[in-house]
Amino acid sequence: MDVSTVIGMVLSSTVIGALISGAFTRVSEKESNDINLLDRAYKEIERLDDQVAERDRIIAEKDIIIERLKKERSM
């Protein structure tokens, strides 16, 4: 093996290593982005669940008031 062959092998292995590293970095970033999106979606679902629970509580209170008024009206 002469010097130019060794230099060519070193450079090609470096380029291949950089390409593989870049591919893994891209995959890792995509997975990280997916996880962040899922986390945001989960938080949004929790927020909406809280709003639904609050609305249900308000409806239940109004139903109690309506029943009370119906009883008073029928007396």
PDB file of N, CA and C in Angstrom:
ATOM      1  N   MET A   1       0.844  -1.180   0.000  1.00  0.00           N
ATOM      2  CA  MET A   1       0.000   0.000   0.000  1.00  0.00           C
ATOM      3  C   MET A   1       0.885   1.237   0.000  1.00  0.00           C
ATOM      4  N   ASP A   2       0.557   2.114  -0.849  1.00  0.00           N
ATOM      5  CA  ASP A   2       1.320   3.352  -0.870  1.00  0.00           C
ATOM      6  C   ASP A   2       0.593   4.427  -0.058  1.00  0.00           C
ATOM      7  N   VAL A   3       1.193   5.548   0.110  1.00  0.00           N
ATOM      8  CA  VAL A   3       0.682   6.626   0.951  1.00  0.00           C
ATOM      9  C   VAL A   3      -0.646   7.162   0.423  1.00  0.00           C
ATOM     10  N   SER A   4      -0.790   7.287  -0.869  1.00  0.00           N
ATOM     11  CA  SER A   4      -2.033   7.831  -1.425  1.00  0.00           C
ATOM     12  C   SER A   4      -3.214   6.896  -1.155  1.00  0.00           C
ATOM     13  N   THR A   5      -2.991   5.597  -1.149  1.00  0.00           N
ATOM     14  CA  THR A   5      -4.057   4.643  -0.847  1.00  0.00           C
ATOM     15  C   THR A   5      -4.482   4.771   0.610  1.00  0.00           C
ATOM     16  N   VAL A   6      -3.508   4.882   1.495  1.00  0.00           N
ATOM     17  CA  VAL A   6      -3.808   5.024   2.926  1.00  0.00           C
ATOM     18  C   VAL A   6      -4.569   6.324   3.175  1.00  0.00           C
ATOM     19  N   ILE A   7      -4.128   7.404   2.562  1.00  0.00           N
ATOM     20  CA  ILE A   7      -4.810   8.692   2.729  1.00  0.00           C
ATOM     21  C   ILE A   7      -6.229   8.605   2.175  1.00  0.00           C
ATOM     22  N   GLY A   8      -6.399   7.958   1.039  1.00  0.00           N
ATOM     23  CA  GLY A   8      -7.730   7.786   0.459  1.00  0.00           C
ATOM     24  C   GLY A   8      -8.641   6.984   1.368  1.00  0.00           C
ATOM     25  N   MET A   9      -8.113   5.923   1.991  1.00  0.00           N
ATOM     26  CA  MET A   9      -8.916   5.100   2.907  1.00  0.00           C
ATOM     27  C   MET A   9      -9.317   5.901   4.141  1.00  0.00           C
ATOM     28  N   VAL A  10      -8.386   6.671   4.675  1.00  0.00           N
ATOM     29  CA  VAL A  10      -8.679   7.476   5.866  1.00  0.00           C
ATOM     30  C   VAL A  10      -9.746   8.518   5.546  1.00  0.00           C
ATOM     31  N   LEU A  11      -9.594   9.196   4.416  1.00  0.00           N
ATOM     32  CA  LEU A  11     -10.573  10.215   4.038  1.00  0.00           C
ATOM     33  C   LEU A  11     -11.938   9.605   3.760  1.00  0.00           C
ATOM     34  N   SER A  12     -11.961   8.469   3.084  1.00  0.00           N
ATOM     35  CA  SER A  12     -13.257   7.848   2.779  1.00  0.00           C
ATOM     36  C   SER A  12     -13.929   7.344   4.048  1.00  0.00           C
ATOM     37  N   SER A  13     -13.144   6.804   4.986  1.00  0.00           N
ATOM     38  CA  SER A  13     -13.754   6.349   6.241  1.00  0.00           C
ATOM     39  C   SER A  13     -14.272   7.534   7.050  1.00  0.00           C
ATOM     40  N   THR A  14     -13.591   8.662   6.980  1.00  0.00           N
ATOM     41  CA  THR A  14     -14.046   9.864   7.675  1.00  0.00           C
ATOM     42  C   THR A  14     -15.351  10.371   7.071  1.00  0.00           C
ATOM     43  N   VAL A  15     -15.436  10.367   5.763  1.00  0.00           N
ATOM     44  CA  VAL A  15     -16.653  10.824   5.084  1.00  0.00           C
ATOM     45  C   VAL A  15     -17.810   9.885   5.398  1.00  0.00           C
ATOM     46  N   ILE A  16     -17.547   8.586   5.345  1.00  0.00           N
ATOM     47  CA  ILE A  16     -18.597   7.607   5.661  1.00  0.00           C
ATOM     48  C   ILE A  16     -19.053   7.786   7.107  1.00  0.00           C
ATOM     49  N   GLY A  17     -18.113   7.977   8.020  1.00  0.00           N
ATOM     50  CA  GLY A  17     -18.462   8.208   9.421  1.00  0.00           C
ATOM     51  C   GLY A  17     -19.304   9.458   9.598  1.00  0.00           C
ATOM     52  N   ALA A  18     -18.958  10.509   8.872  1.00  0.00           N
ATOM     53  CA  ALA A  18     -19.731  11.753   8.960  1.00  0.00           C
ATOM     54  C   ALA A  18     -21.140  11.556   8.420  1.00  0.00           C
ATOM     55  N   LEU A  19     -21.271  10.813   7.327  1.00  0.00           N
ATOM     56  CA  LEU A  19     -22.601  10.554   6.765  1.00  0.00           C
ATOM     57  C   LEU A  19     -23.458   9.731   7.722  1.00  0.00           C
ATOM     58  N   ILE A  20     -22.869   8.713   8.306  1.00  0.00           N
ATOM     59  CA  ILE A  20     -23.612   7.880   9.261  1.00  0.00           C
ATOM     60  C   ILE A  20     -24.007   8.708  10.480  1.00  0.00           C
ATOM     61  N   SER A  21     -23.072   9.510  10.979  1.00  0.00           N
ATOM     62  CA  SER A  21     -23.369  10.366  12.127  1.00  0.00           C
ATOM     63  C   SER A  21     -24.487  11.344  11.804  1.00  0.00           C
ATOM     64  N   GLY A  22     -24.440  11.922  10.620  1.00  0.00           N
ATOM     65  CA  GLY A  22     -25.496  12.849  10.205  1.00  0.00           C
ATOM     66  C   GLY A  22     -26.846  12.172  10.118  1.00  0.00           C
ATOM     67  N   ALA A  23     -26.855  10.946   9.606  1.00  0.00           N
ATOM     68  CA  ALA A  23     -28.122  10.208   9.496  1.00  0.00           C
ATOM     69  C   ALA A  23     -28.694   9.922  10.877  1.00  0.00           C
ATOM     70  N   PHE A  24     -27.839   9.468  11.801  1.00  0.00           N
ATOM     71  CA  PHE A  24     -28.325   9.178  13.151  1.00  0.00           C
ATOM     72  C   PHE A  24     -28.785  10.443  13.864  1.00  0.00           C
ATOM     73  N   THR A  25     -28.085  11.541  13.637  1.00  0.00           N
ATOM     74  CA  THR A  25     -28.488  12.810  14.247  1.00  0.00           C
ATOM     75  C   THR A  25     -29.855  13.232  13.730  1.00  0.00           C
ATOM     76  N   ARG A  26     -30.082  13.053  12.440  1.00  0.00           N
ATOM     77  CA  ARG A  26     -31.378  13.428  11.856  1.00  0.00           C
ATOM     78  C   ARG A  26     -32.492  12.569  12.432  1.00  0.00           C
ATOM     79  N   VAL A  27     -32.237  11.269  12.553  1.00  0.00           N
ATOM     80  CA  VAL A  27     -33.247  10.367  13.118  1.00  0.00           C
ATOM     81  C   VAL A  27     -33.522  10.743  14.571  1.00  0.00           C
ATOM     82  N   SER A  28     -32.467  11.031  15.332  1.00  0.00           N
ATOM     83  CA  SER A  28     -32.637  11.407  16.738  1.00  0.00           C
ATOM     84  C   SER A  28     -33.434  12.699  16.871  1.00  0.00           C
ATOM     85  N   GLU A  29     -33.154  13.672  16.018  1.00  0.00           N
ATOM     86  CA  GLU A  29     -33.894  14.935  16.071  1.00  0.00           C
ATOM     87  C   GLU A  29     -35.358  14.725  15.715  1.00  0.00           C
ATOM     88  N   LYS A  30     -35.619  13.848  14.745  1.00  0.00           N
ATOM     89  CA  LYS A  30     -37.005  13.576  14.361  1.00  0.00           C
ATOM     90  C   LYS A  30     -37.743  12.908  15.513  1.00  0.00           C
ATOM     91  N   GLU A  31     -37.095  11.938  16.170  1.00  0.00           N
ATOM     92  CA  GLU A  31     -37.721  11.283  17.316  1.00  0.00           C
ATOM     93  C   GLU A  31     -37.958  12.281  18.443  1.00  0.00           C
ATOM     94  N   SER A  32     -37.002  13.160  18.670  1.00  0.00           N
ATOM     95  CA  SER A  32     -37.154  14.184  19.702  1.00  0.00           C
ATOM     96  C   SER A  32     -38.316  15.110  19.369  1.00  0.00           C
ATOM     97  N   ASN A  33     -38.448  15.479  18.111  1.00  0.00           N
ATOM     98  CA  ASN A  33     -39.550  16.334  17.676  1.00  0.00           C
ATOM     99  C   ASN A  33     -40.884  15.620  17.876  1.00  0.00           C
ATOM    100  N   ASP A  34     -40.927  14.330  17.530  1.00  0.00           N
ATOM    101  CA  ASP A  34     -42.152  13.552  17.725  1.00  0.00           C
ATOM    102  C   ASP A  34     -42.532  13.497  19.200  1.00  0.00           C
ATOM    103  N   ILE A  35     -41.540  13.309  20.061  1.00  0.00           N
ATOM    104  CA  ILE A  35     -41.801  13.256  21.504  1.00  0.00           C
ATOM    105  C   ILE A  35     -42.320  14.602  21.991  1.00  0.00           C
ATOM    106  N   ASN A  36     -41.728  15.693  21.505  1.00  0.00           N
ATOM    107  CA  ASN A  36     -42.192  17.027  21.903  1.00  0.00           C
ATOM    108  C   ASN A  36     -43.626  17.273  21.449  1.00  0.00           C
ATOM    109  N   LEU A  37     -43.948  16.833  20.234  1.00  0.00           N
ATOM    110  CA  LEU A  37     -45.317  17.001  19.739  1.00  0.00           C
ATOM    111  C   LEU A  37     -46.300  16.195  20.575  1.00  0.00           C
ATOM    112  N   LEU A  38     -45.926  14.973  20.930  1.00  0.00           N
ATOM    113  CA  LEU A  38     -46.797  14.147  21.767  1.00  0.00           C
ATOM    114  C   LEU A  38     -46.981  14.771  23.148  1.00  0.00           C
ATOM    115  N   ASP A  39     -45.910  15.333  23.688  1.00  0.00           N
ATOM    116  CA  ASP A  39     -45.996  15.975  25.000  1.00  0.00           C
ATOM    117  C   ASP A  39     -46.932  17.177  24.948  1.00  0.00           C
ATOM    118  N   ARG A  40     -46.813  17.970  23.894  1.00  0.00           N
ATOM    119  CA  ARG A  40     -47.707  19.124  23.749  1.00  0.00           C
ATOM    120  C   ARG A  40     -49.154  18.688  23.582  1.00  0.00           C
ATOM    121  N   ALA A  41     -49.361  17.632  22.807  1.00  0.00           N
ATOM    122  CA  ALA A  41     -50.724  17.125  22.605  1.00  0.00           C
ATOM    123  C   ALA A  41     -51.302  16.623  23.924  1.00  0.00           C
ATOM    124  N   TYR A  42     -50.493  15.932  24.720  1.00  0.00           N
ATOM    125  CA  TYR A  42     -50.950  15.427  26.011  1.00  0.00           C
ATOM    126  C   TYR A  42     -51.345  16.581  26.933  1.00  0.00           C
ATOM    127  N   LYS A  43     -50.524  17.627  26.957  1.00  0.00           N
ATOM    128  CA  LYS A  43     -50.837  18.789  27.795  1.00  0.00           C
ATOM    129  C   LYS A  43     -52.117  19.476  27.324  1.00  0.00           C
ATOM    130  N   GLU A  44     -52.309  19.554  26.019  1.00  0.00           N
ATOM    131  CA  GLU A  44     -53.523  20.171  25.475  1.00  0.00           C
ATOM    132  C   GLU A  44     -54.752  19.339  25.837  1.00  0.00           C
ATOM    133  N   ILE A  45     -54.617  18.020  25.772  1.00  0.00           N
ATOM    134  CA  ILE A  45     -55.726  17.137  26.154  1.00  0.00           C
ATOM    135  C   ILE A  45     -56.069  17.331  27.624  1.00  0.00           C
ATOM    136  N   GLU A  46     -55.055  17.424  28.483  1.00  0.00           N
ATOM    137  CA  GLU A  46     -55.309  17.668  29.911  1.00  0.00           C
ATOM    138  C   GLU A  46     -56.030  19.000  30.116  1.00  0.00           C
ATOM    139  N   ARG A  47     -55.595  20.027  29.388  1.00  0.00           N
ATOM    140  CA  ARG A  47     -56.224  21.347  29.510  1.00  0.00           C
ATOM    141  C   ARG A  47     -57.688  21.274  29.088  1.00  0.00           C
ATOM    142  N   LEU A  48     -57.958  20.602  27.991  1.00  0.00           N
ATOM    143  CA  LEU A  48     -59.335  20.472  27.519  1.00  0.00           C
ATOM    144  C   LEU A  48     -60.171  19.626  28.472  1.00  0.00           C
ATOM    145  N   ASP A  49     -59.575  18.584  29.055  1.00  0.00           N
ATOM    146  CA  ASP A  49     -60.293  17.777  30.048  1.00  0.00           C
ATOM    147  C   ASP A  49     -60.694  18.626  31.250  1.00  0.00           C
ATOM    148  N   ASP A  50     -59.792  19.511  31.676  1.00  0.00           N
ATOM    149  CA  ASP A  50     -60.113  20.404  32.792  1.00  0.00           C
ATOM    150  C   ASP A  50     -61.274  21.331  32.431  1.00  0.00           C
ATOM    151  N   GLN A  51     -61.265  21.842  31.210  1.00  0.00           N
ATOM    152  CA  GLN A  51     -62.358  22.720  30.782  1.00  0.00           C
ATOM    153  C   GLN A  51     -63.680  21.963  30.725  1.00  0.00           C
ATOM    154  N   VAL A  52     -63.649  20.728  30.239  1.00  0.00           N
ATOM    155  CA  VAL A  52     -64.869  19.921  30.178  1.00  0.00           C
ATOM    156  C   VAL A  52     -65.386  19.652  31.585  1.00  0.00           C
ATOM    157  N   ALA A  53     -64.490  19.336  32.513  1.00  0.00           N
ATOM    158  CA  ALA A  53     -64.898  19.084  33.893  1.00  0.00           C
ATOM    159  C   ALA A  53     -65.534  20.334  34.503  1.00  0.00           C
ATOM    160  N   GLU A  54     -64.965  21.492  34.232  1.00  0.00           N
ATOM    161  CA  GLU A  54     -65.521  22.750  34.746  1.00  0.00           C
ATOM    162  C   GLU A  54     -66.907  23.005  34.158  1.00  0.00           C
ATOM    163  N   ARG A  55     -67.059  22.769  32.860  1.00  0.00           N
ATOM    164  CA  ARG A  55     -68.373  22.953  32.224  1.00  0.00           C
ATOM    165  C   ARG A  55     -69.398  21.971  32.794  1.00  0.00           C
ATOM    166  N   ASP A  56     -68.975  20.728  33.031  1.00  0.00           N
ATOM    167  CA  ASP A  56     -69.881  19.737  33.621  1.00  0.00           C
ATOM    168  C   ASP A  56     -70.331  20.173  35.015  1.00  0.00           C
ATOM    169  N   ARG A  57     -69.395  20.750  35.786  1.00  0.00           N
ATOM    170  CA  ARG A  57     -69.732  21.227  37.126  1.00  0.00           C
ATOM    171  C   ARG A  57     -70.758  22.357  37.041  1.00  0.00           C
ATOM    172  N   ILE A  58     -70.562  23.270  36.104  1.00  0.00           N
ATOM    173  CA  ILE A  58     -71.495  24.390  35.929  1.00  0.00           C
ATOM    174  C   ILE A  58     -72.871  23.876  35.523  1.00  0.00           C
ATOM    175  N   ILE A  59     -72.910  22.923  34.611  1.00  0.00           N
ATOM    176  CA  ILE A  59     -74.189  22.351  34.174  1.00  0.00           C
ATOM    177  C   ILE A  59     -74.896  21.670  35.338  1.00  0.00           C
ATOM    178  N   ALA A  60     -74.143  20.934  36.156  1.00  0.00           N
ATOM    179  CA  ALA A  60     -74.747  20.262  37.306  1.00  0.00           C
ATOM    180  C   ALA A  60     -75.334  21.281  38.280  1.00  0.00           C
ATOM    181  N   GLU A  61     -74.623  22.372  38.511  1.00  0.00           N
ATOM    182  CA  GLU A  61     -75.138  23.424  39.397  1.00  0.00           C
ATOM    183  C   GLU A  61     -76.417  24.034  38.824  1.00  0.00           C
ATOM    184  N   LYS A  62     -76.432  24.272  37.529  1.00  0.00           N
ATOM    185  CA  LYS A  62     -77.629  24.847  36.903  1.00  0.00           C
ATOM    186  C   LYS A  62     -78.795  23.869  36.966  1.00  0.00           C
ATOM    187  N   ASP A  63     -78.515  22.577  36.799  1.00  0.00           N
ATOM    188  CA  ASP A  63     -79.575  21.571  36.909  1.00  0.00           C
ATOM    189  C   ASP A  63     -80.180  21.568  38.311  1.00  0.00           C
ATOM    190  N   ILE A  64     -79.339  21.717  39.322  1.00  0.00           N
ATOM    191  CA  ILE A  64     -79.831  21.772  40.704  1.00  0.00           C
ATOM    192  C   ILE A  64     -80.716  23.003  40.891  1.00  0.00           C
ATOM    193  N   ILE A  65     -80.288  24.133  40.371  1.00  0.00           N
ATOM    194  CA  ILE A  65     -81.075  25.364  40.482  1.00  0.00           C
ATOM    195  C   ILE A  65     -82.411  25.205  39.766  1.00  0.00           C
ATOM    196  N   ILE A  66     -82.400  24.605  38.583  1.00  0.00           N
ATOM    197  CA  ILE A  66     -83.643  24.396  37.826  1.00  0.00           C
ATOM    198  C   ILE A  66     -84.595  23.494  38.602  1.00  0.00           C
ATOM    199  N   GLU A  67     -84.084  22.423  39.168  1.00  0.00           N
ATOM    200  CA  GLU A  67     -84.934  21.516  39.951  1.00  0.00           C
ATOM    201  C   GLU A  67     -85.533  22.243  41.157  1.00  0.00           C
ATOM    202  N   ARG A  68     -84.719  23.054  41.816  1.00  0.00           N
ATOM    203  CA  ARG A  68     -85.194  23.808  42.967  1.00  0.00           C
ATOM    204  C   ARG A  68     -86.304  24.778  42.548  1.00  0.00           C
ATOM    205  N   LEU A  69     -86.111  25.460  41.422  1.00  0.00           N
ATOM    206  CA  LEU A  69     -87.130  26.396  40.939  1.00  0.00           C
ATOM    207  C   LEU A  69     -88.414  25.673  40.539  1.00  0.00           C
ATOM    208  N   LYS A  70     -88.274  24.497  39.942  1.00  0.00           N
ATOM    209  CA  LYS A  70     -89.463  23.719  39.574  1.00  0.00           C
ATOM    210  C   LYS A  70     -90.250  23.318  40.816  1.00  0.00           C
ATOM    211  N   LYS A  71     -89.544  22.932  41.876  1.00  0.00           N
ATOM    212  CA  LYS A  71     -90.212  22.546  43.118  1.00  0.00           C
ATOM    213  C   LYS A  71     -90.930  23.743  43.729  1.00  0.00           C
ATOM    214  N   GLU A  72     -90.258  24.898  43.735  1.00  0.00           N
ATOM    215  CA  GLU A  72     -90.870  26.104  44.291  1.00  0.00           C
ATOM    216  C   GLU A  72     -92.086  26.521  43.470  1.00  0.00           C
ATOM    217  N   ARG A  73     -92.009  26.353  42.193  1.00  0.00           N
ATOM    218  CA  ARG A  73     -93.093  26.757  41.308  1.00  0.00           C
ATOM    219  C   ARG A  73     -94.313  25.847  41.478  1.00  0.00           C
ATOM    220  N   SER A  74     -94.073  24.581  41.716  1.00  0.00           N
ATOM    221  CA  SER A  74     -95.189  23.640  41.845  1.00  0.00           C
ATOM    222  C   SER A  74     -95.877  23.745  43.206  1.00  0.00           C
ATOM    223  N   MET A  75     -95.285  24.391  44.154  1.00  0.00           N
ATOM    224  CA  MET A  75     -95.892  24.509  45.485  1.00  0.00           C
ATOM    225  C   MET A  75     -96.960  25.505  45.515  1.00  0.00           C
TER     226      MET A  75
END
